[in-house]
Amino acid sequence: MLVLFGWVKEAKEIASALSCHCYRCQRKRAWEHWKETEWVSFFMIKTIPFLSKSYVVCSACRESVLLNREQVALLEVEAKLPRLAAFLEEHQLSQKTEVQRNFLLAQREQNQSRE
C-alpha cells in the first residue's frame, strides 16, 4: 500500500494590524497581520494543522516580525496597539548599535517634522 504524506505551508493576510513607524523604510506605514500554518498532508490534501505562527508585516518593505501569543492578543484590543507599536520599534532597533539607533531616531524626528 502506498501512502503519500508531506508538509504544506500556507500564509494568508488576516487584517490590517496597526500603523506605526518602520525603521527599515523610514516612514510611518501600515502593518498587516499575517498567519502562517503548516499542515500535514495526505495524498496532497491538507488534513491536520500542525504549526501556526503569526507575524506583522510592513506593507511597503515587507519587513516581518514574529509575534508570540501575548502580542497577538494585543492586536485584538485597539487600546493596546501602542504597546505593540513600542514592541515593534524596540525589535527593529534591538540589533543596532547605539550610534545607529541615534541616527535612526534622528531621521525619524526629521521625517515627522516635515510631515
PDB file of N, CA and C in Angstrom:
ATOM      1  N   MET A   1       0.846  -1.174   0.000  1.00  0.00           N
ATOM      2  CA  MET A   1       0.000   0.000   0.000  1.00  0.00           C
ATOM      3  C   MET A   1       0.897   1.245   0.000  1.00  0.00           C
ATOM      4  N   LEU A   2       0.588   2.182  -0.843  1.00  0.00           N
ATOM      5  CA  LEU A   2       1.355   3.407  -0.980  1.00  0.00           C
ATOM      6  C   LEU A   2       0.640   4.539  -0.254  1.00  0.00           C
ATOM      7  N   VAL A   3       1.337   5.176   0.684  1.00  0.00           N
ATOM      8  CA  VAL A   3       0.783   6.320   1.407  1.00  0.00           C
ATOM      9  C   VAL A   3       1.690   7.514   1.138  1.00  0.00           C
ATOM     10  N   LEU A   4       1.107   8.562   0.622  1.00  0.00           N
ATOM     11  CA  LEU A   4       1.846   9.775   0.319  1.00  0.00           C
ATOM     12  C   LEU A   4       1.509  10.840   1.362  1.00  0.00           C
ATOM     13  N   PHE A   5       2.509  11.292   2.103  1.00  0.00           N
ATOM     14  CA  PHE A   5       2.261  12.374   3.048  1.00  0.00           C
ATOM     15  C   PHE A   5       3.387  13.379   2.975  1.00  0.00           C
ATOM     16  N   GLY A   6       3.115  14.584   3.460  1.00  0.00           N
ATOM     17  CA  GLY A   6       4.113  15.638   3.424  1.00  0.00           C
ATOM     18  C   GLY A   6       3.673  16.830   4.237  1.00  0.00           C
ATOM     19  N   TRP A   7       4.327  17.974   4.006  1.00  0.00           N
ATOM     20  CA  TRP A   7       4.056  19.220   4.713  1.00  0.00           C
ATOM     21  C   TRP A   7       3.676  20.287   3.713  1.00  0.00           C
ATOM     22  N   VAL A   8       2.719  21.094   4.066  1.00  0.00           N
ATOM     23  CA  VAL A   8       2.306  22.213   3.232  1.00  0.00           C
ATOM     24  C   VAL A   8       2.264  23.456   4.109  1.00  0.00           C
ATOM     25  N   LYS A   9       2.902  24.537   3.640  1.00  0.00           N
ATOM     26  CA  LYS A   9       2.838  25.812   4.357  1.00  0.00           C
ATOM     27  C   LYS A   9       1.854  26.712   3.641  1.00  0.00           C
ATOM     28  N   GLU A  10       1.019  27.370   4.450  1.00  0.00           N
ATOM     29  CA  GLU A  10       0.034  28.293   3.905  1.00  0.00           C
ATOM     30  C   GLU A  10       0.108  29.589   4.704  1.00  0.00           C
ATOM     31  N   ALA A  11       0.299  30.693   4.002  1.00  0.00           N
ATOM     32  CA  ALA A  11       0.349  32.006   4.661  1.00  0.00           C
ATOM     33  C   ALA A  11      -0.738  32.882   4.072  1.00  0.00           C
ATOM     34  N   LYS A  12      -1.471  33.569   4.954  1.00  0.00           N
ATOM     35  CA  LYS A  12      -2.506  34.474   4.453  1.00  0.00           C
ATOM     36  C   LYS A  12      -2.621  35.687   5.363  1.00  0.00           C
ATOM     37  N   GLU A  13      -3.036  36.781   4.739  1.00  0.00           N
ATOM     38  CA  GLU A  13      -3.214  38.020   5.485  1.00  0.00           C
ATOM     39  C   GLU A  13      -4.524  37.946   6.257  1.00  0.00           C
ATOM     40  N   ILE A  14      -4.455  38.277   7.536  1.00  0.00           N
ATOM     41  CA  ILE A  14      -5.644  38.258   8.386  1.00  0.00           C
ATOM     42  C   ILE A  14      -6.344  39.611   8.322  1.00  0.00           C
ATOM     43  N   ALA A  15      -5.603  40.679   8.594  1.00  0.00           N
ATOM     44  CA  ALA A  15      -6.192  42.022   8.607  1.00  0.00           C
ATOM     45  C   ALA A  15      -5.080  43.059   8.667  1.00  0.00           C
ATOM     46  N   SER A  16      -5.467  44.294   8.493  1.00  0.00           N
ATOM     47  CA  SER A  16      -4.546  45.391   8.728  1.00  0.00           C
ATOM     48  C   SER A  16      -4.415  45.530  10.240  1.00  0.00           C
ATOM     49  N   ALA A  17      -3.198  45.530  10.739  1.00  0.00           N
ATOM     50  CA  ALA A  17      -2.992  45.464  12.180  1.00  0.00           C
ATOM     51  C   ALA A  17      -2.904  46.838  12.835  1.00  0.00           C
ATOM     52  N   LEU A  18      -1.936  47.630  12.414  1.00  0.00           N
ATOM     53  CA  LEU A  18      -1.735  48.925  13.039  1.00  0.00           C
ATOM     54  C   LEU A  18      -0.909  49.796  12.115  1.00  0.00           C
ATOM     55  N   SER A  19      -0.764  51.042  12.487  1.00  0.00           N
ATOM     56  CA  SER A  19       0.039  51.985  11.723  1.00  0.00           C
ATOM     57  C   SER A  19       1.101  52.540  12.654  1.00  0.00           C
ATOM     58  N   CYS A  20       2.379  52.305  12.309  1.00  0.00           N
ATOM     59  CA  CYS A  20       3.473  52.831  13.115  1.00  0.00           C
ATOM     60  C   CYS A  20       4.722  52.961  12.251  1.00  0.00           C
ATOM     61  N   HIS A  21       5.757  53.538  12.818  1.00  0.00           N
ATOM     62  CA  HIS A  21       6.995  53.825  12.081  1.00  0.00           C
ATOM     63  C   HIS A  21       7.749  52.539  11.771  1.00  0.00           C
ATOM     64  N   CYS A  22       8.239  52.442  10.539  1.00  0.00           N
ATOM     65  CA  CYS A  22       9.104  51.333  10.136  1.00  0.00           C
ATOM     66  C   CYS A  22      10.505  51.893   9.958  1.00  0.00           C
ATOM     67  N   TYR A  23      11.468  51.360  10.693  1.00  0.00           N
ATOM     68  CA  TYR A  23      12.836  51.866  10.634  1.00  0.00           C
ATOM     69  C   TYR A  23      13.586  51.352   9.417  1.00  0.00           C
ATOM     70  N   ARG A  24      13.045  50.396   8.721  1.00  0.00           N
ATOM     71  CA  ARG A  24      13.690  49.917   7.500  1.00  0.00           C
ATOM     72  C   ARG A  24      13.387  50.837   6.321  1.00  0.00           C
ATOM     73  N   CYS A  25      12.126  51.237   6.170  1.00  0.00           N
ATOM     74  CA  CYS A  25      11.782  52.125   5.051  1.00  0.00           C
ATOM     75  C   CYS A  25      11.639  53.585   5.485  1.00  0.00           C
ATOM     76  N   GLN A  26      11.863  53.868   6.781  1.00  0.00           N
ATOM     77  CA  GLN A  26      11.940  55.229   7.316  1.00  0.00           C
ATOM     78  C   GLN A  26      10.663  56.048   7.149  1.00  0.00           C
ATOM     79  N   ARG A  27       9.518  55.433   7.256  1.00  0.00           N
ATOM     80  CA  ARG A  27       8.241  56.135   7.149  1.00  0.00           C
ATOM     81  C   ARG A  27       7.224  55.484   8.088  1.00  0.00           C
ATOM     82  N   LYS A  28       6.176  56.235   8.367  1.00  0.00           N
ATOM     83  CA  LYS A  28       5.053  55.653   9.094  1.00  0.00           C
ATOM     84  C   LYS A  28       4.266  54.826   8.093  1.00  0.00           C
ATOM     85  N   ARG A  29       4.098  53.558   8.386  1.00  0.00           N
ATOM     86  CA  ARG A  29       3.477  52.615   7.456  1.00  0.00           C
ATOM     87  C   ARG A  29       2.376  51.811   8.147  1.00  0.00           C
ATOM     88  N   ALA A  30       1.534  51.243   7.321  1.00  0.00           N
ATOM     89  CA  ALA A  30       0.537  50.295   7.823  1.00  0.00           C
ATOM     90  C   ALA A  30       1.223  48.933   7.947  1.00  0.00           C
ATOM     91  N   TRP A  31       0.960  48.253   9.030  1.00  0.00           N
ATOM     92  CA  TRP A  31       1.486  46.906   9.252  1.00  0.00           C
ATOM     93  C   TRP A  31       0.318  45.933   9.173  1.00  0.00           C
ATOM     94  N   GLU A  32       0.508  44.819   8.480  1.00  0.00           N
ATOM     95  CA  GLU A  32      -0.536  43.816   8.280  1.00  0.00           C
ATOM     96  C   GLU A  32      -0.289  42.615   9.191  1.00  0.00           C
ATOM     97  N   HIS A  33      -1.371  41.990   9.613  1.00  0.00           N
ATOM     98  CA  HIS A  33      -1.290  40.777  10.430  1.00  0.00           C
ATOM     99  C   HIS A  33      -1.392  39.576   9.491  1.00  0.00           C
ATOM    100  N   TRP A  34      -0.376  38.728   9.493  1.00  0.00           N
ATOM    101  CA  TRP A  34      -0.340  37.524   8.674  1.00  0.00           C
ATOM    102  C   TRP A  34      -0.263  36.304   9.574  1.00  0.00           C
ATOM    103  N   LYS A  35      -0.868  35.214   9.105  1.00  0.00           N
ATOM    104  CA  LYS A  35      -0.804  33.953   9.838  1.00  0.00           C
ATOM    105  C   LYS A  35      -0.286  32.875   8.894  1.00  0.00           C
ATOM    106  N   GLU A  36       0.714  32.139   9.372  1.00  0.00           N
ATOM    107  CA  GLU A  36       1.299  31.047   8.595  1.00  0.00           C
ATOM    108  C   GLU A  36       0.967  29.733   9.295  1.00  0.00           C
ATOM    109  N   THR A  37       0.424  28.790   8.557  1.00  0.00           N
ATOM    110  CA  THR A  37       0.053  27.499   9.114  1.00  0.00           C
ATOM    111  C   THR A  37       0.758  26.397   8.329  1.00  0.00           C
ATOM    112  N   GLU A  38       1.368  25.465   9.064  1.00  0.00           N
ATOM    113  CA  GLU A  38       1.942  24.275   8.437  1.00  0.00           C
ATOM    114  C   GLU A  38       0.953  23.133   8.616  1.00  0.00           C
ATOM    115  N   TRP A  39       0.689  22.431   7.531  1.00  0.00           N
ATOM    116  CA  TRP A  39      -0.277  21.342   7.528  1.00  0.00           C
ATOM    117  C   TRP A  39       0.420  20.016   7.220  1.00  0.00           C
ATOM    118  N   VAL A  40      -0.077  18.949   7.825  1.00  0.00           N
ATOM    119  CA  VAL A  40       0.298  17.607   7.408  1.00  0.00           C
ATOM    120  C   VAL A  40      -0.658  17.256   6.282  1.00  0.00           C
ATOM    121  N   SER A  41      -0.105  16.767   5.184  1.00  0.00           N
ATOM    122  CA  SER A  41      -0.966  16.441   4.049  1.00  0.00           C
ATOM    123  C   SER A  41      -0.859  14.955   3.711  1.00  0.00           C
ATOM    124  N   PHE A  42      -1.968  14.391   3.346  1.00  0.00           N
ATOM    125  CA  PHE A  42      -2.022  13.023   2.856  1.00  0.00           C
ATOM    126  C   PHE A  42      -2.577  13.064   1.444  1.00  0.00           C
ATOM    127  N   PHE A  43      -1.846  12.458   0.528  1.00  0.00           N
ATOM    128  CA  PHE A  43      -2.226  12.452  -0.884  1.00  0.00           C
ATOM    129  C   PHE A  43      -2.506  13.864  -1.394  1.00  0.00           C
ATOM    130  N   MET A  44      -1.611  14.798  -1.011  1.00  0.00           N
ATOM    131  CA  MET A  44      -1.654  16.197  -1.442  1.00  0.00           C
ATOM    132  C   MET A  44      -2.881  16.974  -0.950  1.00  0.00           C
ATOM    133  N   ILE A  45      -3.528  16.492   0.094  1.00  0.00           N
ATOM    134  CA  ILE A  45      -4.691  17.174   0.673  1.00  0.00           C
ATOM    135  C   ILE A  45      -4.329  17.583   2.101  1.00  0.00           C
ATOM    136  N   LYS A  46      -4.496  18.889   2.399  1.00  0.00           N
ATOM    137  CA  LYS A  46      -4.219  19.373   3.753  1.00  0.00           C
ATOM    138  C   LYS A  46      -5.215  18.720   4.715  1.00  0.00           C
ATOM    139  N   THR A  47      -4.689  18.076   5.752  1.00  0.00           N
ATOM    140  CA  THR A  47      -5.592  17.379   6.666  1.00  0.00           C
ATOM    141  C   THR A  47      -5.471  17.837   8.121  1.00  0.00           C
ATOM    142  N   ILE A  48      -4.257  17.992   8.620  1.00  0.00           N
ATOM    143  CA  ILE A  48      -4.068  18.310  10.035  1.00  0.00           C
ATOM    144  C   ILE A  48      -3.209  19.567  10.168  1.00  0.00           C
ATOM    145  N   PRO A  49      -3.751  20.631  10.796  1.00  0.00           N
ATOM    146  CA  PRO A  49      -2.890  21.797  11.042  1.00  0.00           C
ATOM    147  C   PRO A  49      -1.875  21.436  12.121  1.00  0.00           C
ATOM    148  N   PHE A  50      -0.598  21.616  11.790  1.00  0.00           N
ATOM    149  CA  PHE A  50       0.472  21.161  12.669  1.00  0.00           C
ATOM    150  C   PHE A  50       1.080  22.296  13.480  1.00  0.00           C
ATOM    151  N   LEU A  51       1.360  23.408  12.824  1.00  0.00           N
ATOM    152  CA  LEU A  51       2.052  24.512  13.467  1.00  0.00           C
ATOM    153  C   LEU A  51       1.492  25.817  12.937  1.00  0.00           C
ATOM    154  N   SER A  52       1.323  26.794  13.809  1.00  0.00           N
ATOM    155  CA  SER A  52       0.773  28.083  13.401  1.00  0.00           C
ATOM    156  C   SER A  52       1.630  29.207  13.971  1.00  0.00           C
ATOM    157  N   LYS A  53       1.946  30.208  13.123  1.00  0.00           N
ATOM    158  CA  LYS A  53       2.736  31.359  13.539  1.00  0.00           C
ATOM    159  C   LYS A  53       2.035  32.627  13.081  1.00  0.00           C
ATOM    160  N   SER A  54       2.145  33.685  13.867  1.00  0.00           N
ATOM    161  CA  SER A  54       1.582  34.979  13.495  1.00  0.00           C
ATOM    162  C   SER A  54       2.703  35.996  13.329  1.00  0.00           C
ATOM    163  N   TYR A  55       2.544  36.857  12.340  1.00  0.00           N
ATOM    164  CA  TYR A  55       3.518  37.885  12.022  1.00  0.00           C
ATOM    165  C   TYR A  55       2.810  39.210  11.817  1.00  0.00           C
ATOM    166  N   VAL A  56       3.533  40.303  11.990  1.00  0.00           N
ATOM    167  CA  VAL A  56       3.112  41.587  11.443  1.00  0.00           C
ATOM    168  C   VAL A  56       4.134  41.935  10.378  1.00  0.00           C
ATOM    169  N   VAL A  57       3.639  42.482   9.257  1.00  0.00           N
ATOM    170  CA  VAL A  57       4.480  42.728   8.091  1.00  0.00           C
ATOM    171  C   VAL A  57       4.261  44.160   7.633  1.00  0.00           C
ATOM    172  N   CYS A  58       5.350  44.883   7.408  1.00  0.00           N
ATOM    173  CA  CYS A  58       5.267  46.248   6.877  1.00  0.00           C
ATOM    174  C   CYS A  58       4.706  46.179   5.465  1.00  0.00           C
ATOM    175  N   SER A  59       3.732  47.010   5.171  1.00  0.00           N
ATOM    176  CA  SER A  59       3.072  46.960   3.867  1.00  0.00           C
ATOM    177  C   SER A  59       3.965  47.454   2.736  1.00  0.00           C
ATOM    178  N   ALA A  60       5.005  48.217   3.040  1.00  0.00           N
ATOM    179  CA  ALA A  60       5.866  48.762   1.988  1.00  0.00           C
ATOM    180  C   ALA A  60       7.095  47.889   1.742  1.00  0.00           C
ATOM    181  N   CYS A  61       7.906  47.674   2.769  1.00  0.00           N
ATOM    182  CA  CYS A  61       9.176  46.968   2.572  1.00  0.00           C
ATOM    183  C   CYS A  61       9.080  45.471   2.868  1.00  0.00           C
ATOM    184  N   ARG A  62       7.962  45.016   3.402  1.00  0.00           N
ATOM    185  CA  ARG A  62       7.690  43.609   3.718  1.00  0.00           C
ATOM    186  C   ARG A  62       8.560  43.068   4.862  1.00  0.00           C
ATOM    187  N   GLU A  63       9.072  43.950   5.710  1.00  0.00           N
ATOM    188  CA  GLU A  63       9.775  43.545   6.928  1.00  0.00           C
ATOM    189  C   GLU A  63       8.780  42.794   7.803  1.00  0.00           C
ATOM    190  N   SER A  64       9.138  41.605   8.266  1.00  0.00           N
ATOM    191  CA  SER A  64       8.213  40.827   9.085  1.00  0.00           C
ATOM    192  C   SER A  64       8.779  40.628  10.485  1.00  0.00           C
ATOM    193  N   VAL A  65       7.867  40.593  11.450  1.00  0.00           N
ATOM    194  CA  VAL A  65       8.235  40.399  12.847  1.00  0.00           C
ATOM    195  C   VAL A  65       7.328  39.314  13.412  1.00  0.00           C
ATOM    196  N   LEU A  66       7.946  38.256  13.938  1.00  0.00           N
ATOM    197  CA  LEU A  66       7.212  37.153  14.532  1.00  0.00           C
ATOM    198  C   LEU A  66       6.607  37.591  15.863  1.00  0.00           C
ATOM    199  N   LEU A  67       5.347  37.220  16.095  1.00  0.00           N
ATOM    200  CA  LEU A  67       4.652  37.582  17.333  1.00  0.00           C
ATOM    201  C   LEU A  67       4.407  36.348  18.187  1.00  0.00           C
ATOM    202  N   ASN A  68       4.452  36.529  19.504  1.00  0.00           N
ATOM    203  CA  ASN A  68       4.049  35.447  20.394  1.00  0.00           C
ATOM    204  C   ASN A  68       2.564  35.619  20.723  1.00  0.00           C
ATOM    205  N   ARG A  69       2.015  34.748  21.531  1.00  0.00           N
ATOM    206  CA  ARG A  69       0.569  34.768  21.814  1.00  0.00           C
ATOM    207  C   ARG A  69       0.117  36.049  22.504  1.00  0.00           C
ATOM    208  N   GLU A  70       0.931  36.544  23.438  1.00  0.00           N
ATOM    209  CA  GLU A  70       0.555  37.772  24.143  1.00  0.00           C
ATOM    210  C   GLU A  70       0.493  38.956  23.178  1.00  0.00           C
ATOM    211  N   GLN A  71       1.427  39.001  22.246  1.00  0.00           N
ATOM    212  CA  GLN A  71       1.451  40.096  21.287  1.00  0.00           C
ATOM    213  C   GLN A  71       0.295  39.997  20.291  1.00  0.00           C
ATOM    214  N   VAL A  72      -0.090  38.781  19.928  1.00  0.00           N
ATOM    215  CA  VAL A  72      -1.257  38.607  19.054  1.00  0.00           C
ATOM    216  C   VAL A  72      -2.510  39.083  19.782  1.00  0.00           C
ATOM    217  N   ALA A  73      -2.572  38.839  21.095  1.00  0.00           N
ATOM    218  CA  ALA A  73      -3.718  39.305  21.884  1.00  0.00           C
ATOM    219  C   ALA A  73      -3.777  40.831  21.901  1.00  0.00           C
ATOM    220  N   LEU A  74      -2.626  41.513  21.829  1.00  0.00           N
ATOM    221  CA  LEU A  74      -2.617  42.974  21.791  1.00  0.00           C
ATOM    222  C   LEU A  74      -3.276  43.496  20.515  1.00  0.00           C
ATOM    223  N   LEU A  75      -3.202  42.734  19.435  1.00  0.00           N
ATOM    224  CA  LEU A  75      -3.818  43.143  18.173  1.00  0.00           C
ATOM    225  C   LEU A  75      -5.340  43.227  18.270  1.00  0.00           C
ATOM    226  N   GLU A  76      -5.905  42.453  19.162  1.00  0.00           N
ATOM    227  CA  GLU A  76      -7.356  42.368  19.258  1.00  0.00           C
ATOM    228  C   GLU A  76      -7.976  43.530  20.023  1.00  0.00           C
ATOM    229  N   VAL A  77      -7.177  44.263  20.799  1.00  0.00           N
ATOM    230  CA  VAL A  77      -7.682  45.372  21.605  1.00  0.00           C
ATOM    231  C   VAL A  77      -7.034  46.664  21.100  1.00  0.00           C
ATOM    232  N   GLU A  78      -7.841  47.547  20.549  1.00  0.00           N
ATOM    233  CA  GLU A  78      -7.298  48.762  19.935  1.00  0.00           C
ATOM    234  C   GLU A  78      -6.551  49.637  20.945  1.00  0.00           C
ATOM    235  N   ALA A  79      -6.968  49.640  22.179  1.00  0.00           N
ATOM    236  CA  ALA A  79      -6.303  50.461  23.194  1.00  0.00           C
ATOM    237  C   ALA A  79      -4.894  49.957  23.502  1.00  0.00           C
ATOM    238  N   LYS A  80      -4.597  48.702  23.173  1.00  0.00           N
ATOM    239  CA  LYS A  80      -3.280  48.132  23.465  1.00  0.00           C
ATOM    240  C   LYS A  80      -2.338  48.175  22.265  1.00  0.00           C
ATOM    241  N   LEU A  81      -2.773  48.753  21.155  1.00  0.00           N
ATOM    242  CA  LEU A  81      -1.917  48.837  19.971  1.00  0.00           C
ATOM    243  C   LEU A  81      -0.649  49.661  20.197  1.00  0.00           C
ATOM    244  N   PRO A  82      -0.672  50.724  21.014  1.00  0.00           N
ATOM    245  CA  PRO A  82       0.591  51.438  21.281  1.00  0.00           C
ATOM    246  C   PRO A  82       1.665  50.554  21.923  1.00  0.00           C
ATOM    247  N   ARG A  83       1.249  49.582  22.738  1.00  0.00           N
ATOM    248  CA  ARG A  83       2.223  48.646  23.320  1.00  0.00           C
ATOM    249  C   ARG A  83       2.858  47.790  22.238  1.00  0.00           C
ATOM    250  N   LEU A  84       2.061  47.374  21.257  1.00  0.00           N
ATOM    251  CA  LEU A  84       2.588  46.584  20.150  1.00  0.00           C
ATOM    252  C   LEU A  84       3.509  47.439  19.279  1.00  0.00           C
ATOM    253  N   ALA A  85       3.145  48.695  19.067  1.00  0.00           N
ATOM    254  CA  ALA A  85       3.996  49.609  18.294  1.00  0.00           C
ATOM    255  C   ALA A  85       5.340  49.801  19.007  1.00  0.00           C
ATOM    256  N   ALA A  86       5.325  49.917  20.330  1.00  0.00           N
ATOM    257  CA  ALA A  86       6.569  50.046  21.095  1.00  0.00           C
ATOM    258  C   ALA A  86       7.408  48.778  20.971  1.00  0.00           C
ATOM    259  N   PHE A  87       6.760  47.621  20.974  1.00  0.00           N
ATOM    260  CA  PHE A  87       7.486  46.364  20.777  1.00  0.00           C
ATOM    261  C   PHE A  87       8.137  46.321  19.399  1.00  0.00           C
ATOM    262  N   LEU A  88       7.407  46.736  18.357  1.00  0.00           N
ATOM    263  CA  LEU A  88       7.956  46.736  17.003  1.00  0.00           C
ATOM    264  C   LEU A  88       9.169  47.660  16.907  1.00  0.00           C
ATOM    265  N   GLU A  89       9.058  48.834  17.513  1.00  0.00           N
ATOM    266  CA  GLU A  89      10.179  49.777  17.498  1.00  0.00           C
ATOM    267  C   GLU A  89      11.396  49.171  18.191  1.00  0.00           C
ATOM    268  N   GLU A  90      11.178  48.604  19.365  1.00  0.00           N
ATOM    269  CA  GLU A  90      12.283  48.008  20.111  1.00  0.00           C
ATOM    270  C   GLU A  90      12.878  46.825  19.335  1.00  0.00           C
ATOM    271  N   HIS A  91      12.031  46.029  18.702  1.00  0.00           N
ATOM    272  CA  HIS A  91      12.521  44.891  17.929  1.00  0.00           C
ATOM    273  C   HIS A  91      13.388  45.351  16.750  1.00  0.00           C
ATOM    274  N   GLN A  92      12.929  46.376  16.045  1.00  0.00           N
ATOM    275  CA  GLN A  92      13.685  46.850  14.889  1.00  0.00           C
ATOM    276  C   GLN A  92      15.002  47.508  15.299  1.00  0.00           C
ATOM    277  N   LEU A  93      15.045  48.114  16.460  1.00  0.00           N
ATOM    278  CA  LEU A  93      16.258  48.790  16.918  1.00  0.00           C
ATOM    279  C   LEU A  93      17.172  47.896  17.758  1.00  0.00           C
ATOM    280  N   SER A  94      16.714  46.704  18.119  1.00  0.00           N
ATOM    281  CA  SER A  94      17.458  45.854  19.049  1.00  0.00           C
ATOM    282  C   SER A  94      18.799  45.386  18.504  1.00  0.00           C
ATOM    283  N   GLN A  95      18.937  45.238  17.206  1.00  0.00           N
ATOM    284  CA  GLN A  95      20.185  44.736  16.641  1.00  0.00           C
ATOM    285  C   GLN A  95      21.081  45.864  16.128  1.00  0.00           C
ATOM    286  N   LYS A  96      20.774  47.073  16.501  1.00  0.00           N
ATOM    287  CA  LYS A  96      21.561  48.236  16.075  1.00  0.00           C
ATOM    288  C   LYS A  96      22.502  48.672  17.198  1.00  0.00           C
ATOM    289  N   THR A  97      23.596  49.291  16.803  1.00  0.00           N
ATOM    290  CA  THR A  97      24.489  49.873  17.796  1.00  0.00           C
ATOM    291  C   THR A  97      23.870  51.178  18.296  1.00  0.00           C
ATOM    292  N   GLU A  98      24.459  51.739  19.322  1.00  0.00           N
ATOM    293  CA  GLU A  98      23.937  52.998  19.882  1.00  0.00           C
ATOM    294  C   GLU A  98      24.000  54.126  18.857  1.00  0.00           C
ATOM    295  N   VAL A  99      25.069  54.172  18.063  1.00  0.00           N
ATOM    296  CA  VAL A  99      25.209  55.198  17.032  1.00  0.00           C
ATOM    297  C   VAL A  99      24.118  55.031  15.970  1.00  0.00           C
ATOM    298  N   GLN A 100      23.889  53.795  15.552  1.00  0.00           N
ATOM    299  CA  GLN A 100      22.845  53.530  14.558  1.00  0.00           C
ATOM    300  C   GLN A 100      21.465  53.894  15.097  1.00  0.00           C
ATOM    301  N   ARG A 101      21.222  53.538  16.360  1.00  0.00           N
ATOM    302  CA  ARG A 101      19.937  53.880  16.984  1.00  0.00           C
ATOM    303  C   ARG A 101      19.714  55.388  16.984  1.00  0.00           C
ATOM    304  N   ASN A 102      20.722  56.122  17.435  1.00  0.00           N
ATOM    305  CA  ASN A 102      20.600  57.581  17.492  1.00  0.00           C
ATOM    306  C   ASN A 102      20.366  58.172  16.116  1.00  0.00           C
ATOM    307  N   PHE A 103      21.055  57.645  15.100  1.00  0.00           N
ATOM    308  CA  PHE A 103      20.867  58.132  13.736  1.00  0.00           C
ATOM    309  C   PHE A 103      19.446  57.866  13.252  1.00  0.00           C
ATOM    310  N   LEU A 104      18.945  56.640  13.462  1.00  0.00           N
ATOM    311  CA  LEU A 104      17.594  56.300  13.017  1.00  0.00           C
ATOM    312  C   LEU A 104      16.530  57.124  13.741  1.00  0.00           C
ATOM    313  N   LEU A 105      16.722  57.347  15.030  1.00  0.00           N
ATOM    314  CA  LEU A 105      15.770  58.161  15.782  1.00  0.00           C
ATOM    315  C   LEU A 105      15.802  59.612  15.312  1.00  0.00           C
ATOM    316  N   ALA A 106      16.986  60.123  14.978  1.00  0.00           N
ATOM    317  CA  ALA A 106      17.099  61.487  14.447  1.00  0.00           C
ATOM    318  C   ALA A 106      16.428  61.583  13.076  1.00  0.00           C
ATOM    319  N   GLN A 107      16.604  60.570  12.240  1.00  0.00           N
ATOM    320  CA  GLN A 107      15.945  60.533  10.930  1.00  0.00           C
ATOM    321  C   GLN A 107      14.427  60.532  11.094  1.00  0.00           C
ATOM    322  N   ARG A 108      13.961  59.787  12.073  1.00  0.00           N
ATOM    323  CA  ARG A 108      12.515  59.733  12.324  1.00  0.00           C
ATOM    324  C   ARG A 108      11.982  61.109  12.720  1.00  0.00           C
ATOM    325  N   GLU A 109      12.713  61.781  13.599  1.00  0.00           N
ATOM    326  CA  GLU A 109      12.299  63.131  14.027  1.00  0.00           C
ATOM    327  C   GLU A 109      12.255  64.090  12.842  1.00  0.00           C
ATOM    328  N   GLN A 110      13.247  64.011  11.961  1.00  0.00           N
ATOM    329  CA  GLN A 110      13.271  64.880  10.777  1.00  0.00           C
ATOM    330  C   GLN A 110      12.089  64.590   9.866  1.00  0.00           C
ATOM    331  N   ASN A 111      11.805  63.333   9.646  1.00  0.00           N
ATOM    332  CA  ASN A 111      10.673  62.961   8.793  1.00  0.00           C
ATOM    333  C   ASN A 111       9.340  63.426   9.377  1.00  0.00           C
ATOM    334  N   GLN A 112       9.197  63.298  10.689  1.00  0.00           N
ATOM    335  CA  GLN A 112       7.946  63.714  11.323  1.00  0.00           C
ATOM    336  C   GLN A 112       7.801  65.227  11.303  1.00  0.00           C
ATOM    337  N   SER A 113       8.893  65.971  11.394  1.00  0.00           N
ATOM    338  CA  SER A 113       8.789  67.429  11.384  1.00  0.00           C
ATOM    339  C   SER A 113       8.427  67.938   9.983  1.00  0.00           C
ATOM    340  N   ARG A 114       8.796  67.202   8.944  1.00  0.00           N
ATOM    341  CA  ARG A 114       8.454  67.583   7.570  1.00  0.00           C
ATOM    342  C   ARG A 114       6.987  67.347   7.249  1.00  0.00           C
ATOM    343  N   GLU A 115       6.413  66.351   7.882  1.00  0.00           N
ATOM    344  CA  GLU A 115       5.024  65.971   7.558  1.00  0.00           C
ATOM    345  C   GLU A 115       3.995  66.818   8.240  1.00  0.00           C
TER     346      GLU A 115
END
